[in-house]
C-alpha atoms as a PDB file:
ATOM      1  CA  MET A   1       0.000   0.000   0.000  1.00  0.00           C
ATOM      2  CA  LYS A   2       2.825   2.388   0.847  1.00  0.00           C
ATOM      3  CA  LYS A   3       4.511   1.759  -2.508  1.00  0.00           C
ATOM      4  CA  LEU A   4       1.258   2.487  -4.338  1.00  0.00           C
ATOM      5  CA  PHE A   5       0.781   5.708  -2.372  1.00  0.00           C
ATOM      6  CA  ALA A   6       4.349   6.839  -3.031  1.00  0.00           C
ATOM      7  CA  GLY A   7       4.049   6.048  -6.741  1.00  0.00           C
ATOM      8  CA  ALA A   8       0.743   7.894  -7.063  1.00  0.00           C
ATOM      9  CA  LEU A   9       2.169  10.899  -5.224  1.00  0.00           C
ATOM     10  CA  LEU A  10       5.177  10.965  -7.547  1.00  0.00           C
ATOM     11  CA  VAL A  11       2.943  10.908 -10.634  1.00  0.00           C
ATOM     12  CA  VAL A  12       0.772  13.718  -9.256  1.00  0.00           C
ATOM     13  CA  MET A  13       3.835  15.843  -8.529  1.00  0.00           C
ATOM     14  CA  CYS A  14       5.282  15.348 -12.015  1.00  0.00           C
ATOM     15  CA  VAL A  15       2.008  16.138 -13.767  1.00  0.00           C
ATOM     16  CA  GLY A  16       1.277  19.040 -11.418  1.00  0.00           C
ATOM     17  CA  GLY A  17       4.665  20.581 -12.090  1.00  0.00           C
ATOM     18  CA  LEU A  18       3.775  21.102 -15.733  1.00  0.00           C
ATOM     19  CA  GLY A  19       1.068  23.638 -14.857  1.00  0.00           C
ATOM     20  CA  CYS A  20       3.328  25.959 -12.844  1.00  0.00           C
ATOM     21  CA  THR A  21       4.616  28.029 -15.747  1.00  0.00           C
ATOM     22  CA  ASN A  22       2.059  30.859 -15.566  1.00  0.00           C
ATOM     23  CA  MET A  23       1.951  31.165 -11.789  1.00  0.00           C
ATOM     24  CA  SER A  24       3.227  33.982  -9.615  1.00  0.00           C
ATOM     25  CA  ARG A  25       6.071  33.271  -7.204  1.00  0.00           C
ATOM     26  CA  THR A  26       3.597  33.077  -4.336  1.00  0.00           C
ATOM     27  CA  GLN A  27       1.499  30.483  -6.138  1.00  0.00           C
ATOM     28  CA  GLN A  28       4.587  28.499  -7.115  1.00  0.00           C
ATOM     29  CA  GLY A  29       5.765  28.588  -3.503  1.00  0.00           C
ATOM     30  CA  VAL A  30       2.445  27.272  -2.236  1.00  0.00           C
ATOM     31  CA  ALA A  31       2.358  24.467  -4.804  1.00  0.00           C
ATOM     32  CA  SER A  32       5.944  23.347  -4.356  1.00  0.00           C
ATOM     33  CA  GLY A  33       5.766  23.724  -0.576  1.00  0.00           C
ATOM     34  CA  ALA A  34       2.652  21.567  -0.433  1.00  0.00           C
ATOM     35  CA  ALA A  35       4.224  18.885  -2.608  1.00  0.00           C
ATOM     36  CA  LEU A  36       7.476  18.774  -0.658  1.00  0.00           C
ATOM     37  CA  GLY A  37       5.637  18.945   2.651  1.00  0.00           C
ATOM     38  CA  ALA A  38       3.409  16.040   1.655  1.00  0.00           C
ATOM     39  CA  LEU A  39       6.424  13.927   0.752  1.00  0.00           C
ATOM     40  CA  GLY A  40       8.234  14.829   3.941  1.00  0.00           C
ATOM     41  CA  GLY A  41       5.180  14.298   6.117  1.00  0.00           C
ATOM     42  CA  ALA A  42       4.413  10.920   4.568  1.00  0.00           C
ATOM     43  CA  GLY A  43       8.030   9.843   4.963  1.00  0.00           C
ATOM     44  CA  VAL A  44       8.275  10.899   8.594  1.00  0.00           C
ATOM     45  CA  ALA A  45       4.933   9.291   9.432  1.00  0.00           C
ATOM     46  CA  ALA A  46       5.902   6.040   7.701  1.00  0.00           C
ATOM     47  CA  ILE A  47       9.228   5.901   9.537  1.00  0.00           C
ATOM     48  CA  ALA A  48       7.594   6.705  12.866  1.00  0.00           C
ATOM     49  CA  GLY A  49       4.996   3.974  12.348  1.00  0.00           C
ATOM     50  CA  GLY A  50       2.033   6.309  11.888  1.00  0.00           C
ATOM     51  CA  SER A  51      -0.352   6.794   9.011  1.00  0.00           C
ATOM     52  CA  ALA A  52       1.432   8.001   5.880  1.00  0.00           C
ATOM     53  CA  GLY A  53      -1.794   9.575   4.621  1.00  0.00           C
ATOM     54  CA  TRP A  54      -2.275  11.750   7.699  1.00  0.00           C
ATOM     55  CA  GLY A  55       1.412  12.630   7.678  1.00  0.00           C
ATOM     56  CA  ALA A  56       1.164  13.696   4.038  1.00  0.00           C
ATOM     57  CA  LEU A  57      -1.912  15.796   4.781  1.00  0.00           C
ATOM     58  CA  ALA A  58      -0.276  17.562   7.715  1.00  0.00           C
ATOM     59  CA  GLY A  59       2.971  18.035   5.798  1.00  0.00           C
ATOM     60  CA  ALA A  60       1.139  19.463   2.799  1.00  0.00           C
ATOM     61  CA  GLY A  61      -0.596  22.043   4.977  1.00  0.00           C
ATOM     62  CA  VAL A  62       2.571  23.158   6.701  1.00  0.00           C
ATOM     63  CA  GLY A  63       4.535  23.111   3.441  1.00  0.00           C
ATOM     64  CA  ALA A  64       1.901  25.168   1.611  1.00  0.00           C
ATOM     65  CA  LEU A  65       1.947  27.778   4.353  1.00  0.00           C
ATOM     66  CA  ALA A  66       5.743  27.988   4.419  1.00  0.00           C
ATOM     67  CA  GLY A  67       6.005  27.975   0.623  1.00  0.00           C
ATOM     68  CA  GLY A  68       3.442  30.752   0.350  1.00  0.00           C
ATOM     69  CA  ILE A  69       5.337  32.909   2.806  1.00  0.00           C
ATOM     70  CA  VAL A  70       8.660  32.382   1.032  1.00  0.00           C
ATOM     71  CA  GLY A  71       7.154  32.863  -2.437  1.00  0.00           C
ATOM     72  CA  ASN A  72       5.379  36.058  -1.387  1.00  0.00           C
ATOM     73  CA  SER A  73       8.614  37.375   0.103  1.00  0.00           C
ATOM     74  CA  GLN A  74      10.488  36.686  -3.141  1.00  0.00           C
ATOM     75  CA  GLU A  75       7.739  38.271  -5.200  1.00  0.00           C
ATOM     76  CA  HIS A  76       7.812  41.471  -3.148  1.00  0.00           C
ATOM     77  CA  ARG A  77      11.602  41.596  -3.130  1.00  0.00           C
ATOM     78  CA  ASN A  78      11.756  41.277  -6.923  1.00  0.00           C
ATOM     79  CA  ARG A  79       8.982  43.809  -7.426  1.00  0.00           C
ATOM     80  CA  TYR A  80      10.458  46.577  -5.293  1.00  0.00           C
ATOM     81  CA  ASN A  81      14.190  46.006  -5.880  1.00  0.00           C
ATOM     82  CA  TRP A  82      15.213  46.700  -9.416  1.00  0.00           C
END
């Protein structure tokens, strides 16, 4: 089951990465943060013996928040610094 989940998550990330070309830096940060957070959360939960699904969900939320903050910061820095 874990191999199926990891494979499906990898496919979703690869296909989802194709649609990021017309996004702002904030949107790209949210998307990439959520994807990386989901992978990290699932990995930590699987190693710790918990549910990989819940770990991925929690990691995606935290990663999206962090990615949005970083992406927004980069967007503002590039906009106001020539």
